[in-house]
Amino acid sequence: MAKQIVFTYEDKEYTLEFTRRTVKQMEDEGFVAQDIDRKPMTLLPALFAGAFKAHHRFVKQDVIDKIYASMPHKDELIGKLAEMYNDPIVTLMEEPDEKAVKNMSWEANW
């Protein structure tokens, strides 16, 4: 099951989540997670905003900014968002179960 953060802001429930599609979209838009330490003013809010893409794609940036400003415990929040962001990347590299690879093999020709 995908990791999610669920909260209510101004009587509306939001579900934050990253999927392979949303991580790819963020990468296509120039987001580089390794740059967070160098560009925290840009990338921490971008990480938060990116988590809206899976379920709340059409929420305006100014609303996302207001929600972010209202969120308590930002240090813990950012840690959880980073963990969520990493999950689709980890699943991309997971080995399939043995039933799925029963007739599948590959080899290099060099």
C-alpha atoms as a PDB file:
ATOM      1  CA  MET A   1       0.000   0.000   0.000  1.00  0.00           C
ATOM      2  CA  ALA A   2       1.282   3.435  -0.910  1.00  0.00           C
ATOM      3  CA  LYS A   3       2.203   5.806   1.877  1.00  0.00           C
ATOM      4  CA  GLN A   4      -0.128   8.749   2.235  1.00  0.00           C
ATOM      5  CA  ILE A   5      -0.564  11.814   4.397  1.00  0.00           C
ATOM      6  CA  VAL A   6      -4.208  12.729   4.993  1.00  0.00           C
ATOM      7  CA  PHE A   7      -5.295  16.020   6.568  1.00  0.00           C
ATOM      8  CA  THR A   8      -8.154  18.496   6.573  1.00  0.00           C
ATOM      9  CA  TYR A   9      -7.713  22.151   5.697  1.00  0.00           C
ATOM     10  CA  GLU A  10     -10.662  24.557   5.706  1.00  0.00           C
ATOM     11  CA  ASP A  11     -13.140  21.667   5.890  1.00  0.00           C
ATOM     12  CA  LYS A  12     -11.686  19.894   2.848  1.00  0.00           C
ATOM     13  CA  GLU A  13      -9.847  16.594   3.140  1.00  0.00           C
ATOM     14  CA  TYR A  14      -6.577  16.204   1.252  1.00  0.00           C
ATOM     15  CA  THR A  15      -4.569  13.076   0.533  1.00  0.00           C
ATOM     16  CA  LEU A  16      -0.918  13.552  -0.299  1.00  0.00           C
ATOM     17  CA  GLU A  17       0.852  10.770  -2.156  1.00  0.00           C
ATOM     18  CA  PHE A  18       3.599  10.148  -4.696  1.00  0.00           C
ATOM     19  CA  THR A  19       3.263   7.665  -7.549  1.00  0.00           C
ATOM     20  CA  ARG A  20       5.716   6.705 -10.259  1.00  0.00           C
ATOM     21  CA  ARG A  21       3.842   9.042 -12.582  1.00  0.00           C
ATOM     22  CA  THR A  22       3.988  12.020 -10.224  1.00  0.00           C
ATOM     23  CA  VAL A  23       7.669  11.461  -9.374  1.00  0.00           C
ATOM     24  CA  LYS A  24       8.455  11.321 -13.094  1.00  0.00           C
ATOM     25  CA  GLN A  25       6.428  14.475 -13.679  1.00  0.00           C
ATOM     26  CA  MET A  26       8.358  16.276 -10.935  1.00  0.00           C
ATOM     27  CA  GLU A  27      11.665  15.098 -12.425  1.00  0.00           C
ATOM     28  CA  ASP A  28      10.526  16.284 -15.862  1.00  0.00           C
ATOM     29  CA  GLU A  29       9.780  19.670 -14.288  1.00  0.00           C
ATOM     30  CA  GLY A  30      13.348  19.854 -12.940  1.00  0.00           C
ATOM     31  CA  PHE A  31      12.931  18.575  -9.375  1.00  0.00           C
ATOM     32  CA  VAL A  32      16.126  16.908  -8.116  1.00  0.00           C
ATOM     33  CA  ALA A  33      15.739  15.460  -4.623  1.00  0.00           C
ATOM     34  CA  GLN A  34      19.501  15.448  -4.025  1.00  0.00           C
ATOM     35  CA  ASP A  35      19.494  19.253  -4.308  1.00  0.00           C
ATOM     36  CA  ILE A  36      17.242  19.784  -1.268  1.00  0.00           C
ATOM     37  CA  ASP A  37      20.213  20.593   0.995  1.00  0.00           C
ATOM     38  CA  ARG A  38      21.509  23.171  -1.486  1.00  0.00           C
ATOM     39  CA  LYS A  39      18.170  24.780  -2.409  1.00  0.00           C
ATOM     40  CA  PRO A  40      15.793  24.273   0.522  1.00  0.00           C
ATOM     41  CA  MET A  41      13.764  27.460  -0.094  1.00  0.00           C
ATOM     42  CA  THR A  42      12.825  26.194  -3.548  1.00  0.00           C
ATOM     43  CA  LEU A  43      12.719  22.444  -3.186  1.00  0.00           C
ATOM     44  CA  LEU A  44      11.022  21.873   0.178  1.00  0.00           C
ATOM     45  CA  PRO A  45       7.846  23.689  -0.928  1.00  0.00           C
ATOM     46  CA  ALA A  46       8.136  21.941  -4.327  1.00  0.00           C
ATOM     47  CA  LEU A  47       8.260  18.553  -2.597  1.00  0.00           C
ATOM     48  CA  PHE A  48       5.106  19.449  -0.660  1.00  0.00           C
ATOM     49  CA  ALA A  49       3.353  20.732  -3.794  1.00  0.00           C
ATOM     50  CA  GLY A  50       4.367  17.625  -5.739  1.00  0.00           C
ATOM     51  CA  ALA A  51       2.544  15.431  -3.244  1.00  0.00           C
ATOM     52  CA  PHE A  52      -0.727  17.048  -4.386  1.00  0.00           C
ATOM     53  CA  LYS A  53      -0.312  15.856  -7.979  1.00  0.00           C
ATOM     54  CA  ALA A  54      -1.658  12.333  -7.441  1.00  0.00           C
ATOM     55  CA  HIS A  55      -5.046  13.266  -5.938  1.00  0.00           C
ATOM     56  CA  HIS A  56      -5.398  17.059  -6.111  1.00  0.00           C
ATOM     57  CA  ARG A  57      -3.807  18.031  -9.416  1.00  0.00           C
ATOM     58  CA  PHE A  58      -5.924  21.151  -9.862  1.00  0.00           C
ATOM     59  CA  VAL A  59      -5.351  22.801  -6.490  1.00  0.00           C
ATOM     60  CA  LYS A  60      -3.840  26.217  -7.162  1.00  0.00           C
ATOM     61  CA  GLN A  61      -0.305  26.943  -6.018  1.00  0.00           C
ATOM     62  CA  ASP A  62      -1.393  29.806  -3.749  1.00  0.00           C
ATOM     63  CA  VAL A  63      -3.711  27.413  -1.873  1.00  0.00           C
ATOM     64  CA  ILE A  64      -0.892  24.860  -1.557  1.00  0.00           C
ATOM     65  CA  ASP A  65       1.372  27.634  -0.227  1.00  0.00           C
ATOM     66  CA  LYS A  66      -1.238  28.611   2.399  1.00  0.00           C
ATOM     67  CA  ILE A  67      -1.661  24.993   3.449  1.00  0.00           C
ATOM     68  CA  TYR A  68       2.113  24.548   3.735  1.00  0.00           C
ATOM     69  CA  ALA A  69       2.408  27.708   5.835  1.00  0.00           C
ATOM     70  CA  SER A  70      -0.302  26.344   8.164  1.00  0.00           C
ATOM     71  CA  MET A  71       1.232  22.882   8.610  1.00  0.00           C
ATOM     72  CA  PRO A  72       2.698  22.207  12.066  1.00  0.00           C
ATOM     73  CA  HIS A  73       5.871  20.160  12.649  1.00  0.00           C
ATOM     74  CA  LYS A  74       7.362  20.901   9.222  1.00  0.00           C
ATOM     75  CA  ASP A  75      10.601  19.091  10.041  1.00  0.00           C
ATOM     76  CA  GLU A  76       8.684  15.828  10.564  1.00  0.00           C
ATOM     77  CA  LEU A  77       6.436  16.554   7.587  1.00  0.00           C
ATOM     78  CA  ILE A  78       9.391  17.005   5.232  1.00  0.00           C
ATOM     79  CA  GLY A  79      10.923  13.751   6.463  1.00  0.00           C
ATOM     80  CA  LYS A  80       7.691  11.872   5.756  1.00  0.00           C
ATOM     81  CA  LEU A  81       7.336  13.518   2.331  1.00  0.00           C
ATOM     82  CA  ALA A  82      10.900  12.498   1.436  1.00  0.00           C
ATOM     83  CA  GLU A  83      10.150   8.931   2.495  1.00  0.00           C
ATOM     84  CA  MET A  84       6.957   8.956   0.423  1.00  0.00           C
ATOM     85  CA  TYR A  85       8.802  10.387  -2.593  1.00  0.00           C
ATOM     86  CA  ASN A  86      11.403   7.629  -2.378  1.00  0.00           C
ATOM     87  CA  ASP A  87       8.885   4.757  -2.275  1.00  0.00           C
ATOM     88  CA  PRO A  88       7.941   4.731  -5.990  1.00  0.00           C
ATOM     89  CA  ILE A  89      11.639   4.796  -6.864  1.00  0.00           C
ATOM     90  CA  VAL A  90      12.295   1.786  -4.623  1.00  0.00           C
ATOM     91  CA  THR A  91       9.399  -0.136  -6.192  1.00  0.00           C
ATOM     92  CA  LEU A  92      10.812   0.553  -9.640  1.00  0.00           C
ATOM     93  CA  MET A  93      13.967  -1.343  -8.671  1.00  0.00           C
ATOM     94  CA  GLU A  94      12.306  -4.242  -6.812  1.00  0.00           C
ATOM     95  CA  GLU A  95      12.768  -7.746  -8.122  1.00  0.00           C
ATOM     96  CA  PRO A  96       9.555  -9.391  -9.390  1.00  0.00           C
ATOM     97  CA  ASP A  97       8.225 -12.461  -7.624  1.00  0.00           C
ATOM     98  CA  GLU A  98       9.301 -15.813  -9.002  1.00  0.00           C
ATOM     99  CA  LYS A  99       5.937 -16.572 -10.619  1.00  0.00           C
ATOM    100  CA  ALA A 100       6.227 -13.448 -12.769  1.00  0.00           C
ATOM    101  CA  VAL A 101       9.704 -14.372 -14.027  1.00  0.00           C
ATOM    102  CA  LYS A 102       9.115 -18.093 -14.602  1.00  0.00           C
ATOM    103  CA  ASN A 103       9.863 -17.926 -18.333  1.00  0.00           C
ATOM    104  CA  MET A 104      11.858 -14.695 -18.296  1.00  0.00           C
ATOM    105  CA  SER A 105      15.629 -14.439 -18.464  1.00  0.00           C
ATOM    106  CA  TRP A 106      18.182 -12.164 -20.020  1.00  0.00           C
ATOM    107  CA  GLU A 107      21.911 -12.097 -20.693  1.00  0.00           C
ATOM    108  CA  ALA A 108      24.424  -9.587 -21.960  1.00  0.00           C
ATOM    109  CA  ASN A 109      26.103 -10.332 -25.303  1.00  0.00           C
ATOM    110  CA  TRP A 110      29.442  -8.696 -24.593  1.00  0.00           C
END
